[in-house]
Amino acid sequence: MPESPNFAKEWSVKGGYGAEKTVIREIAEAIGTIDPENNRLDDILTVVAESCLNAFEHGGRTDSEGDEEVKVSMKADDRSLKFRICDRGPVVPELPVPDIRDNWLAEHPRGWGLLFIRELSDRFEYGQCDGWFYVEATFYR
């Protein structure tokens, strides 16, 4: 793999469901430029989209009229691609990721997005920084 320069970009997304599509398209273009041989593009885009949808829900806005901001950042170097999705929702002391067997059998299953994020990324973490709640996913190159 050719060595690529460091890359960083941030997006601010306002609104709700569907607003993540512009960011997803731009991330796909960026990865195509900086890492054209990346074979995990679908995994990356799924993780970022699911993280955005969770941020819309966590931040309390899922409709297109919302003015709540969700921030998405991408950082790339020759070792990894890292994505951080931030919202202003309340602090969550524990972010439970369901067991797939339990979720499959549940009457009203929730948490599939977190399961996808955890399973498709190489590293997954969450926390709070400067008043923002974040989910961060890393993909090693």
Protein backbone atom coordinates (compact mmCIF):
# COMPACT_ATOMS: atom_id res chain seq x y z
CA MET A 1 0.00 0.00 0.00
CA PRO A 2 1.43 3.39 -0.92
CA GLU A 3 2.08 5.69 1.99
CA SER A 4 -0.55 8.41 2.20
CA PRO A 5 -0.29 11.80 3.85
CA ASN A 6 -2.19 12.59 7.01
CA PHE A 7 -5.74 13.69 6.35
CA ALA A 8 -8.30 15.31 8.63
CA LYS A 9 -11.76 16.67 7.95
CA GLU A 10 -14.80 17.61 10.04
CA TRP A 11 -18.47 17.89 9.20
CA SER A 12 -21.36 19.46 11.08
CA VAL A 13 -24.69 17.75 10.44
CA LYS A 14 -27.98 19.32 11.43
CA GLY A 15 -31.32 17.66 11.19
CA GLY A 16 -32.27 14.06 11.58
CA TYR A 17 -32.57 10.83 9.67
CA GLY A 18 -31.19 11.20 6.17
CA ALA A 19 -28.88 14.11 7.00
CA GLU A 20 -25.98 11.66 7.32
CA LYS A 21 -26.07 10.80 3.60
CA THR A 22 -24.06 13.85 2.53
CA VAL A 23 -21.30 13.05 5.03
CA ILE A 24 -21.25 9.41 3.91
CA ARG A 25 -20.80 10.45 0.27
CA GLU A 26 -17.97 12.82 1.17
CA ILE A 27 -16.23 10.21 3.32
CA ALA A 28 -16.44 7.70 0.44
CA GLU A 29 -14.86 10.29 -1.89
CA ALA A 30 -12.11 11.08 0.62
CA ILE A 31 -11.25 7.42 1.15
CA GLY A 32 -11.25 6.88 -2.61
CA THR A 33 -8.65 9.64 -2.89
CA ILE A 34 -6.39 8.83 0.05
CA ASP A 35 -6.74 5.04 0.10
CA PRO A 36 -8.12 3.86 -3.27
CA GLU A 37 -7.31 0.20 -2.51
CA ASN A 38 -9.27 0.18 0.77
CA ASN A 39 -11.39 -2.97 0.78
CA ARG A 40 -13.45 -2.06 3.86
CA LEU A 41 -15.33 0.94 2.48
CA ASP A 42 -18.76 -0.64 3.03
CA ASP A 43 -17.90 -1.45 6.65
CA ILE A 44 -16.64 2.09 7.25
CA LEU A 45 -19.69 3.74 5.72
CA THR A 46 -22.05 1.46 7.65
CA VAL A 47 -20.32 2.29 10.93
CA VAL A 48 -20.36 6.05 10.30
CA ALA A 49 -24.01 5.99 9.16
CA GLU A 50 -25.12 3.93 12.19
CA SER A 51 -23.12 6.19 14.51
CA CYS A 52 -24.81 9.27 13.02
CA LEU A 53 -28.27 7.71 13.41
CA ASN A 54 -27.50 6.85 17.03
CA ALA A 55 -26.27 10.41 17.60
CA PHE A 56 -29.51 11.82 16.18
CA GLU A 57 -31.50 9.63 18.58
CA HIS A 58 -29.21 10.27 21.55
CA GLY A 59 -29.24 14.00 20.91
CA GLY A 60 -33.02 13.91 20.82
CA ARG A 61 -33.64 14.86 17.18
CA THR A 62 -34.64 12.39 14.53
CA ASP A 63 -36.70 14.63 12.25
CA SER A 64 -35.42 16.87 9.48
CA GLU A 65 -36.58 20.00 11.31
CA GLY A 66 -33.99 19.55 14.04
CA ASP A 67 -31.28 22.10 14.59
CA GLU A 68 -29.31 19.88 16.97
CA GLU A 69 -25.79 19.49 15.72
CA VAL A 70 -23.96 16.21 15.25
CA LYS A 71 -20.24 16.49 14.51
CA VAL A 72 -18.38 13.95 12.43
CA SER A 73 -14.61 13.92 12.13
CA MET A 74 -12.30 11.76 10.06
CA LYS A 75 -8.57 11.39 10.63
CA ALA A 76 -6.31 9.25 8.49
CA ASP A 77 -2.67 8.37 8.57
CA ASP A 78 -0.70 5.49 7.11
CA ARG A 79 -1.80 3.18 9.98
CA SER A 80 -5.52 3.87 10.42
CA LEU A 81 -8.73 5.66 9.55
CA LYS A 82 -10.47 7.07 12.63
CA PHE A 83 -14.00 8.45 12.84
CA ARG A 84 -15.51 10.33 15.78
CA ILE A 85 -19.23 11.13 15.89
CA CYS A 86 -20.33 13.60 18.59
CA ASP A 87 -23.69 14.77 19.92
CA ARG A 88 -24.98 16.84 22.84
CA GLY A 89 -27.05 14.07 24.41
CA PRO A 90 -26.76 13.19 28.09
CA VAL A 91 -23.76 11.35 29.48
CA VAL A 92 -24.16 7.60 29.23
CA PRO A 93 -22.23 5.74 31.96
CA GLU A 94 -22.38 2.49 30.04
CA LEU A 95 -23.12 1.90 26.40
CA PRO A 96 -24.56 -1.61 26.31
CA VAL A 97 -23.95 -3.58 23.16
CA PRO A 98 -26.49 -6.38 22.99
CA ASP A 99 -25.65 -10.00 22.51
CA ILE A 100 -26.79 -10.96 19.01
CA ARG A 101 -28.64 -14.07 20.27
CA ASP A 102 -30.61 -12.07 22.82
CA ASN A 103 -31.38 -9.31 20.33
CA TRP A 104 -32.53 -11.75 17.66
CA LEU A 105 -35.09 -13.25 20.04
CA ALA A 106 -36.32 -9.97 21.56
CA GLU A 107 -39.83 -8.82 20.78
CA HIS A 108 -38.69 -5.22 20.09
CA PRO A 109 -34.95 -5.48 19.49
CA ARG A 110 -32.82 -2.37 19.89
CA GLY A 111 -29.11 -1.80 19.67
CA TRP A 112 -28.36 -3.33 16.28
CA GLY A 113 -26.41 -0.22 15.31
CA LEU A 114 -24.06 -0.57 18.28
CA LEU A 115 -23.58 -4.22 17.44
CA PHE A 116 -22.65 -3.32 13.83
CA ILE A 117 -20.31 -0.56 15.00
CA ARG A 118 -18.51 -2.87 17.42
CA GLU A 119 -18.25 -5.81 15.03
CA LEU A 120 -17.29 -3.94 11.86
CA SER A 121 -14.64 -1.62 13.34
CA ASP A 122 -11.23 -2.70 14.64
CA ARG A 123 -11.54 -0.50 17.71
CA PHE A 124 -14.61 1.08 19.27
CA GLU A 125 -14.82 3.46 22.20
CA TYR A 126 -17.07 6.15 23.59
CA GLY A 127 -16.89 8.93 26.13
CA GLN A 128 -17.34 12.60 26.72
CA CYS A 129 -15.14 15.51 25.68
CA ASP A 130 -15.80 19.24 26.09
CA GLY A 131 -19.52 18.71 26.72
CA TRP A 132 -19.98 16.39 23.75
CA PHE A 133 -20.74 12.67 23.90
CA TYR A 134 -18.76 10.75 21.30
CA VAL A 135 -18.44 7.36 19.68
CA GLU A 136 -15.13 6.67 17.99
CA ALA A 137 -14.39 3.85 15.55
CA THR A 138 -10.96 2.97 14.19
CA PHE A 139 -10.15 0.92 11.11
CA TYR A 140 -6.58 -0.27 10.73
CA ARG A 141 -5.07 -0.11 7.27
